[in-house]
């Protein structure tokens, strides 16, 4: 395949995967932010309602700092994802169109990968050119007037082209 020729389905699938990942990440970040908020409230209520010693209060202060940092990280991640989440909700038709496009492109790529040609003559029956050998081979005799033609490059594995000879063979 030439360098300029890119597999379009990979790019489309990558973008759709990115959108799903952002949605998942947003949900995880929102839940982590809520959980950190609940932990903060537990710590603050403990500080408010109990008479703890200095050592316990110092441990709770360190715990509170860690929980607040977790909350900040989760909130930052959620906020960074919000514009994408907003775009997703406003562009559901576009996303559905991209999913349909992905299916169409994959179908064409699959078709191109499984391309075959039915020869009209037996002109290539015994030709050896450019390192490619064209051989006709019969499996179980002639099949509906067709013979299988296998094209092989001696330096590589089988070429993904299936062909049949048709006509007077």
C-alpha atoms as a PDB file:
ATOM      1  CA  UNK A   1       0.000   0.000   0.000  1.00  0.00           C
ATOM      2  CA  UNK A   2       1.312   3.431  -0.802  1.00  0.00           C
ATOM      3  CA  UNK A   3       2.187   5.881   1.974  1.00  0.00           C
ATOM      4  CA  UNK A   4      -0.495   8.404   1.034  1.00  0.00           C
ATOM      5  CA  UNK A   5      -3.210   5.786   1.105  1.00  0.00           C
ATOM      6  CA  UNK A   6      -4.614   5.563   4.599  1.00  0.00           C
ATOM      7  CA  UNK A   7      -7.213   3.190   5.895  1.00  0.00           C
ATOM      8  CA  UNK A   8     -10.149   5.550   6.383  1.00  0.00           C
ATOM      9  CA  UNK A   9     -12.046   3.252   8.685  1.00  0.00           C
ATOM     10  CA  UNK A  10      -9.244   3.437  11.252  1.00  0.00           C
ATOM     11  CA  UNK A  11      -9.480   7.206  11.492  1.00  0.00           C
ATOM     12  CA  UNK A  12     -13.265   7.225  11.712  1.00  0.00           C
ATOM     13  CA  UNK A  13     -13.270   4.404  14.261  1.00  0.00           C
ATOM     14  CA  UNK A  14     -10.586   6.219  16.253  1.00  0.00           C
ATOM     15  CA  UNK A  15     -12.665   9.383  16.458  1.00  0.00           C
ATOM     16  CA  UNK A  16     -15.801   7.492  17.494  1.00  0.00           C
ATOM     17  CA  UNK A  17     -13.747   5.607  20.082  1.00  0.00           C
ATOM     18  CA  UNK A  18     -12.420   8.937  21.370  1.00  0.00           C
ATOM     19  CA  UNK A  19     -15.999  10.188  21.824  1.00  0.00           C
ATOM     20  CA  UNK A  20     -16.946   7.041  23.763  1.00  0.00           C
ATOM     21  CA  UNK A  21     -13.792   7.294  25.891  1.00  0.00           C
ATOM     22  CA  UNK A  22     -14.509  10.936  26.731  1.00  0.00           C
ATOM     23  CA  UNK A  23     -18.053  10.033  27.796  1.00  0.00           C
ATOM     24  CA  UNK A  24     -16.745   7.206  29.982  1.00  0.00           C
ATOM     25  CA  UNK A  25     -14.001   9.389  31.446  1.00  0.00           C
ATOM     26  CA  UNK A  26     -16.498  12.157  32.160  1.00  0.00           C
ATOM     27  CA  UNK A  27     -18.771   9.750  34.057  1.00  0.00           C
ATOM     28  CA  UNK A  28     -15.844   8.354  36.062  1.00  0.00           C
ATOM     29  CA  UNK A  29     -14.563  11.851  36.886  1.00  0.00           C
ATOM     30  CA  UNK A  30     -18.028  13.038  37.945  1.00  0.00           C
ATOM     31  CA  UNK A  31     -18.438  10.037  40.244  1.00  0.00           C
ATOM     32  CA  UNK A  32     -14.920  10.527  41.686  1.00  0.00           C
ATOM     33  CA  UNK A  33     -15.687  14.199  42.318  1.00  0.00           C
ATOM     34  CA  UNK A  34     -18.936  13.298  44.103  1.00  0.00           C
ATOM     35  CA  UNK A  35     -17.198  10.630  46.181  1.00  0.00           C
ATOM     36  CA  UNK A  36     -14.442  13.072  47.190  1.00  0.00           C
ATOM     37  CA  UNK A  37     -17.140  15.583  48.154  1.00  0.00           C
ATOM     38  CA  UNK A  38     -18.791  12.991  50.416  1.00  0.00           C
ATOM     39  CA  UNK A  39     -15.416  12.116  51.978  1.00  0.00           C
ATOM     40  CA  UNK A  40     -14.766  15.821  52.579  1.00  0.00           C
ATOM     41  CA  UNK A  41     -18.095  16.151  54.372  1.00  0.00           C
ATOM     42  CA  UNK A  42     -17.307  13.132  56.551  1.00  0.00           C
ATOM     43  CA  UNK A  43     -13.958  14.609  57.574  1.00  0.00           C
ATOM     44  CA  UNK A  44     -15.392  18.087  58.197  1.00  0.00           C
ATOM     45  CA  UNK A  45     -18.247  16.704  60.297  1.00  0.00           C
ATOM     46  CA  UNK A  46     -15.784  14.655  62.324  1.00  0.00           C
ATOM     47  CA  UNK A  47     -13.705  17.802  62.955  1.00  0.00           C
ATOM     48  CA  UNK A  48     -16.825  19.749  63.837  1.00  0.00           C
ATOM     49  CA  UNK A  49     -18.557  17.293  66.140  1.00  0.00           C
ATOM     50  CA  UNK A  50     -15.759  15.394  67.922  1.00  0.00           C
ATOM     51  CA  UNK A  51     -13.082  16.576  70.268  1.00  0.00           C
ATOM     52  CA  UNK A  52     -10.026  14.842  68.867  1.00  0.00           C
ATOM     53  CA  UNK A  53      -6.456  15.254  69.997  1.00  0.00           C
ATOM     54  CA  UNK A  54      -3.729  16.979  68.008  1.00  0.00           C
ATOM     55  CA  UNK A  55      -2.398  13.785  66.498  1.00  0.00           C
ATOM     56  CA  UNK A  56      -5.854  12.722  65.204  1.00  0.00           C
ATOM     57  CA  UNK A  57      -6.552  16.228  63.932  1.00  0.00           C
ATOM     58  CA  UNK A  58      -3.197  16.291  62.118  1.00  0.00           C
ATOM     59  CA  UNK A  59      -4.006  12.940  60.466  1.00  0.00           C
ATOM     60  CA  UNK A  60      -7.446  14.232  59.445  1.00  0.00           C
ATOM     61  CA  UNK A  61      -5.894  17.417  58.017  1.00  0.00           C
ATOM     62  CA  UNK A  62      -3.508  15.345  55.894  1.00  0.00           C
ATOM     63  CA  UNK A  63      -6.390  13.106  54.864  1.00  0.00           C
ATOM     64  CA  UNK A  64      -8.491  16.167  54.007  1.00  0.00           C
ATOM     65  CA  UNK A  65      -5.686  17.589  51.851  1.00  0.00           C
ATOM     66  CA  UNK A  66      -5.436  14.306  49.922  1.00  0.00           C
ATOM     67  CA  UNK A  67      -9.199  14.073  49.447  1.00  0.00           C
ATOM     68  CA  UNK A  68      -9.384  17.697  48.284  1.00  0.00           C
ATOM     69  CA  UNK A  69      -6.593  17.051  45.752  1.00  0.00           C
ATOM     70  CA  UNK A  70      -8.437  13.974  44.465  1.00  0.00           C
ATOM     71  CA  UNK A  71     -11.568  16.086  44.135  1.00  0.00           C
ATOM     72  CA  UNK A  72      -9.665  18.814  42.266  1.00  0.00           C
ATOM     73  CA  UNK A  73      -8.151  16.299  39.832  1.00  0.00           C
ATOM     74  CA  UNK A  74     -11.562  14.745  39.185  1.00  0.00           C
ATOM     75  CA  UNK A  75     -13.181  18.161  38.748  1.00  0.00           C
ATOM     76  CA  UNK A  76     -10.460  19.251  36.305  1.00  0.00           C
ATOM     77  CA  UNK A  77     -10.936  16.077  34.252  1.00  0.00           C
ATOM     78  CA  UNK A  78     -14.702  16.563  34.240  1.00  0.00           C
ATOM     79  CA  UNK A  79     -14.391  20.207  33.193  1.00  0.00           C
ATOM     80  CA  UNK A  80     -11.967  19.333  30.385  1.00  0.00           C
ATOM     81  CA  UNK A  81     -14.432  16.765  29.053  1.00  0.00           C
ATOM     82  CA  UNK A  82     -17.502  19.017  29.287  1.00  0.00           C
ATOM     83  CA  UNK A  83     -17.060  20.770  25.899  1.00  0.00           C
ATOM     84  CA  UNK A  84     -16.777  17.393  24.167  1.00  0.00           C
ATOM     85  CA  UNK A  85     -19.786  16.049  26.096  1.00  0.00           C
ATOM     86  CA  UNK A  86     -21.746  19.144  25.077  1.00  0.00           C
ATOM     87  CA  UNK A  87     -20.734  18.652  21.435  1.00  0.00           C
ATOM     88  CA  UNK A  88     -21.765  14.987  21.606  1.00  0.00           C
ATOM     89  CA  UNK A  89     -25.219  15.847  22.927  1.00  0.00           C
ATOM     90  CA  UNK A  90     -25.719  18.526  20.248  1.00  0.00           C
ATOM     91  CA  UNK A  91     -24.470  16.347  17.371  1.00  0.00           C
ATOM     92  CA  UNK A  92     -26.120  12.961  17.771  1.00  0.00           C
ATOM     93  CA  UNK A  93     -27.175  12.977  14.092  1.00  0.00           C
ATOM     94  CA  UNK A  94     -23.590  13.651  13.040  1.00  0.00           C
ATOM     95  CA  UNK A  95     -22.311  10.828  15.240  1.00  0.00           C
ATOM     96  CA  UNK A  96     -24.919   8.461  13.804  1.00  0.00           C
ATOM     97  CA  UNK A  97     -23.827   9.565  10.338  1.00  0.00           C
ATOM     98  CA  UNK A  98     -20.197   8.836  11.204  1.00  0.00           C
ATOM     99  CA  UNK A  99     -21.152   5.384  12.467  1.00  0.00           C
ATOM    100  CA  UNK A 100     -22.979   4.702   9.186  1.00  0.00           C
ATOM    101  CA  UNK A 101     -20.008   6.076   7.245  1.00  0.00           C
ATOM    102  CA  UNK A 102     -17.693   3.771   9.188  1.00  0.00           C
ATOM    103  CA  UNK A 103     -19.815   0.787   8.197  1.00  0.00           C
ATOM    104  CA  UNK A 104     -19.783   1.848   4.535  1.00  0.00           C
ATOM    105  CA  UNK A 105     -16.010   2.390   4.486  1.00  0.00           C
ATOM    106  CA  UNK A 106     -15.336  -0.937   6.231  1.00  0.00           C
ATOM    107  CA  UNK A 107     -17.581  -2.697   3.732  1.00  0.00           C
ATOM    108  CA  UNK A 108     -15.614  -1.198   0.818  1.00  0.00           C
ATOM    109  CA  UNK A 109     -12.255  -1.984   2.469  1.00  0.00           C
ATOM    110  CA  UNK A 110     -13.364  -5.587   2.997  1.00  0.00           C
ATOM    111  CA  UNK A 111     -14.552  -5.803  -0.584  1.00  0.00           C
ATOM    112  CA  UNK A 112     -11.245  -4.404  -1.845  1.00  0.00           C
ATOM    113  CA  UNK A 113      -9.286  -6.875   0.276  1.00  0.00           C
ATOM    114  CA  UNK A 114     -11.275  -9.789  -1.146  1.00  0.00           C
ATOM    115  CA  UNK A 115     -11.230  -8.587  -4.740  1.00  0.00           C
ATOM    116  CA  UNK A 116     -11.244 -11.220  -7.444  1.00  0.00           C
ATOM    117  CA  UNK A 117     -11.282 -11.330 -11.218  1.00  0.00           C
ATOM    118  CA  UNK A 118     -12.608 -13.955 -13.575  1.00  0.00           C
ATOM    119  CA  UNK A 119     -10.355 -14.266 -16.615  1.00  0.00           C
ATOM    120  CA  UNK A 120     -12.115 -14.382 -19.966  1.00  0.00           C
ATOM    121  CA  UNK A 121      -9.306 -16.311 -21.708  1.00  0.00           C
ATOM    122  CA  UNK A 122      -6.481 -18.669 -20.862  1.00  0.00           C
ATOM    123  CA  UNK A 123      -3.767 -16.292 -22.074  1.00  0.00           C
ATOM    124  CA  UNK A 124      -2.058 -16.305 -18.661  1.00  0.00           C
ATOM    125  CA  UNK A 125      -2.151 -20.053 -18.293  1.00  0.00           C
ATOM    126  CA  UNK A 126       1.588 -20.625 -18.532  1.00  0.00           C
ATOM    127  CA  UNK A 127       3.116 -17.158 -18.342  1.00  0.00           C
ATOM    128  CA  UNK A 128       5.857 -16.351 -15.894  1.00  0.00           C
ATOM    129  CA  UNK A 129       6.461 -12.608 -15.711  1.00  0.00           C
ATOM    130  CA  UNK A 130       8.025 -10.338 -13.128  1.00  0.00           C
ATOM    131  CA  UNK A 131       8.471 -13.163 -10.662  1.00  0.00           C
ATOM    132  CA  UNK A 132       4.746 -13.930 -10.675  1.00  0.00           C
ATOM    133  CA  UNK A 133       3.700 -17.425 -11.671  1.00  0.00           C
ATOM    134  CA  UNK A 134       0.241 -17.989 -13.037  1.00  0.00           C
ATOM    135  CA  UNK A 135      -0.858 -21.585 -12.793  1.00  0.00           C
ATOM    136  CA  UNK A 136      -4.158 -23.206 -13.476  1.00  0.00           C
ATOM    137  CA  UNK A 137      -5.162 -25.970 -11.227  1.00  0.00           C
ATOM    138  CA  UNK A 138      -8.242 -28.099 -11.164  1.00  0.00           C
ATOM    139  CA  UNK A 139      -9.788 -29.225  -7.956  1.00  0.00           C
ATOM    140  CA  UNK A 140     -12.252 -32.007  -8.529  1.00  0.00           C
ATOM    141  CA  UNK A 141     -12.120 -31.362 -12.258  1.00  0.00           C
ATOM    142  CA  UNK A 142     -13.578 -28.378 -14.068  1.00  0.00           C
ATOM    143  CA  UNK A 143     -16.099 -26.430 -11.967  1.00  0.00           C
ATOM    144  CA  UNK A 144     -18.934 -24.976 -14.068  1.00  0.00           C
ATOM    145  CA  UNK A 145     -16.554 -24.316 -16.932  1.00  0.00           C
ATOM    146  CA  UNK A 146     -14.132 -22.525 -14.590  1.00  0.00           C
ATOM    147  CA  UNK A 147     -10.636 -23.402 -13.518  1.00  0.00           C
ATOM    148  CA  UNK A 148      -8.873 -21.928 -10.556  1.00  0.00           C
ATOM    149  CA  UNK A 149      -5.886 -19.737 -11.371  1.00  0.00           C
ATOM    150  CA  UNK A 150      -3.459 -19.159  -8.545  1.00  0.00           C
ATOM    151  CA  UNK A 151      -1.068 -16.260  -8.809  1.00  0.00           C
ATOM    152  CA  UNK A 152       1.981 -16.575  -6.605  1.00  0.00           C
ATOM    153  CA  UNK A 153       5.084 -14.554  -5.965  1.00  0.00           C
ATOM    154  CA  UNK A 154       7.861 -16.993  -5.100  1.00  0.00           C
ATOM    155  CA  UNK A 155       9.323 -14.506  -2.585  1.00  0.00           C
ATOM    156  CA  UNK A 156       6.072 -13.888  -0.693  1.00  0.00           C
ATOM    157  CA  UNK A 157       3.060 -15.670   0.678  1.00  0.00           C
ATOM    158  CA  UNK A 158      -0.040 -16.150  -1.432  1.00  0.00           C
ATOM    159  CA  UNK A 159      -1.350 -12.996  -3.090  1.00  0.00           C
ATOM    160  CA  UNK A 160      -4.888 -12.214  -1.843  1.00  0.00           C
ATOM    161  CA  UNK A 161      -6.407 -12.363  -5.321  1.00  0.00           C
ATOM    162  CA  UNK A 162      -8.709 -15.134  -6.362  1.00  0.00           C
ATOM    163  CA  UNK A 163      -9.278 -15.618 -10.057  1.00  0.00           C
ATOM    164  CA  UNK A 164     -10.958 -18.166 -12.276  1.00  0.00           C
ATOM    165  CA  UNK A 165     -10.420 -19.062 -15.897  1.00  0.00           C
ATOM    166  CA  UNK A 166     -13.508 -19.141 -18.003  1.00  0.00           C
ATOM    167  CA  UNK A 167     -14.030 -20.221 -21.535  1.00  0.00           C
ATOM    168  CA  UNK A 168     -12.376 -22.900 -23.597  1.00  0.00           C
ATOM    169  CA  UNK A 169      -9.674 -24.170 -21.330  1.00  0.00           C
END
